[in-house]
Amino acid sequence: MLYSLIYYFYGNMWLVVGISTLNNFFQTMVFGSKLDILYAINPLFKLRIIENTIILNGGNYGFEGGIFYTILYLTGVLFMLYKINSEKVAERNIKLN
């Protein structure tokens, strides 16, 4: 949903592709999280999954299954909805004047 809102607001599919690529790069190459079948042999940081904190780090599913990533995505969705709404209000104000 976040990526569709970014595309809706900016109208640029390459921006969405770039954000998704950076997201996957940081998850695998920097933080060492397994992403589907993609994983880094020598990531910048080697993070371990602690069994008691699966709700926080997503467990075997990866960071996207964790609560922190979910909150980050929801924040992004709310921010994009705010930007879209603000632009529509500004357009209405211009039409009224």
Protein backbone atom coordinates (compact mmCIF):
# COMPACT_ATOMS: atom_id res chain seq x y z
CA MET A 1 0.00 0.00 0.00
CA LEU A 2 2.85 2.38 0.79
CA TYR A 3 4.42 1.95 -2.63
CA SER A 4 1.09 2.50 -4.38
CA LEU A 5 0.57 5.76 -2.46
CA ILE A 6 4.08 6.91 -3.38
CA TYR A 7 3.31 6.19 -7.03
CA TYR A 8 -0.06 7.92 -6.79
CA PHE A 9 1.47 11.07 -5.31
CA TYR A 10 4.63 11.36 -7.40
CA GLY A 11 3.49 9.55 -10.56
CA ASN A 12 6.91 7.97 -11.00
CA MET A 13 7.27 4.19 -11.06
CA TRP A 14 11.08 4.42 -11.03
CA LEU A 15 10.91 6.10 -7.62
CA VAL A 16 8.92 3.15 -6.28
CA VAL A 17 11.37 0.68 -7.84
CA GLY A 18 14.29 2.60 -6.33
CA ILE A 19 12.77 2.69 -2.85
CA SER A 20 11.97 -1.03 -2.99
CA THR A 21 15.48 -1.85 -4.20
CA LEU A 22 17.07 0.23 -1.44
CA ASN A 23 14.81 -1.42 1.09
CA ASN A 24 15.86 -4.90 -0.05
CA PHE A 25 19.52 -3.87 -0.24
CA PHE A 26 19.60 -2.56 3.31
CA GLN A 27 17.75 -5.59 4.66
CA THR A 28 20.10 -8.10 3.06
CA MET A 29 23.49 -6.48 2.48
CA VAL A 30 23.62 -4.15 5.48
CA PHE A 31 21.59 -5.89 8.19
CA GLY A 32 21.98 -9.49 7.02
CA SER A 33 18.29 -10.37 7.04
CA LYS A 34 17.17 -13.17 4.76
CA LEU A 35 14.79 -11.88 2.13
CA ASP A 36 12.93 -14.72 0.38
CA ILE A 37 15.83 -16.69 -1.12
CA LEU A 38 18.19 -13.71 -1.18
CA TYR A 39 20.71 -13.33 1.60
CA ALA A 40 24.16 -11.79 1.96
CA ILE A 41 27.19 -13.94 2.68
CA ASN A 42 29.06 -11.10 4.40
CA PRO A 43 26.63 -8.37 5.47
CA LEU A 44 27.84 -5.19 7.15
CA PHE A 45 26.05 -6.16 10.38
CA LYS A 46 25.32 -9.74 11.36
CA LEU A 47 22.03 -9.83 13.25
CA ARG A 48 20.83 -12.92 15.05
CA ILE A 49 17.24 -13.97 15.60
CA ILE A 50 16.45 -14.26 19.29
CA GLU A 51 13.59 -16.70 19.73
CA ASN A 52 11.83 -14.74 22.49
CA THR A 53 11.58 -11.59 20.37
CA ILE A 54 10.06 -12.96 17.18
CA ILE A 55 7.26 -10.38 17.30
CA LEU A 56 9.90 -7.64 17.27
CA ASN A 57 12.26 -8.93 14.58
CA GLY A 58 9.93 -11.08 12.46
CA GLY A 59 11.67 -14.37 13.16
CA ASN A 60 12.39 -16.49 10.08
CA TYR A 61 10.11 -14.28 7.99
CA GLY A 62 12.54 -11.36 8.23
CA PHE A 63 12.32 -7.77 9.37
CA GLU A 64 9.14 -7.12 7.40
CA GLY A 65 7.31 -9.52 9.71
CA GLY A 66 8.31 -7.63 12.84
CA ILE A 67 6.40 -4.97 14.73
CA PHE A 68 9.04 -2.27 14.18
CA TYR A 69 8.85 -2.63 10.41
CA THR A 70 5.06 -2.68 10.54
CA ILE A 71 5.07 0.58 12.51
CA LEU A 72 7.55 2.08 10.05
CA TYR A 73 5.34 1.12 7.09
CA LEU A 74 2.18 2.42 8.78
CA THR A 75 3.97 5.70 9.50
CA GLY A 76 4.91 5.92 5.84
CA VAL A 77 1.33 5.23 4.75
CA LEU A 78 -0.05 7.88 7.12
CA PHE A 79 2.56 10.39 5.94
CA MET A 80 1.70 9.79 2.28
CA LEU A 81 -2.04 10.06 2.99
CA TYR A 82 -1.34 13.36 4.76
CA LYS A 83 0.66 14.65 1.77
CA ILE A 84 -2.05 13.61 -0.70
CA ASN A 85 -4.79 15.22 1.41
CA SER A 86 -2.75 18.42 1.88
CA GLU A 87 -2.25 18.73 -1.86
CA LYS A 88 -5.97 18.28 -2.53
CA VAL A 89 -6.86 20.94 0.06
CA ALA A 90 -4.34 23.32 -1.50
CA GLU A 91 -5.83 22.72 -4.96
CA ARG A 92 -9.34 23.44 -3.62
CA ASN A 93 -8.15 26.68 -2.02
CA ILE A 94 -6.57 27.79 -5.28
CA LYS A 95 -9.80 27.08 -7.18
CA LEU A 96 -11.83 29.09 -4.65
CA ASN A 97 -9.60 32.16 -5.01
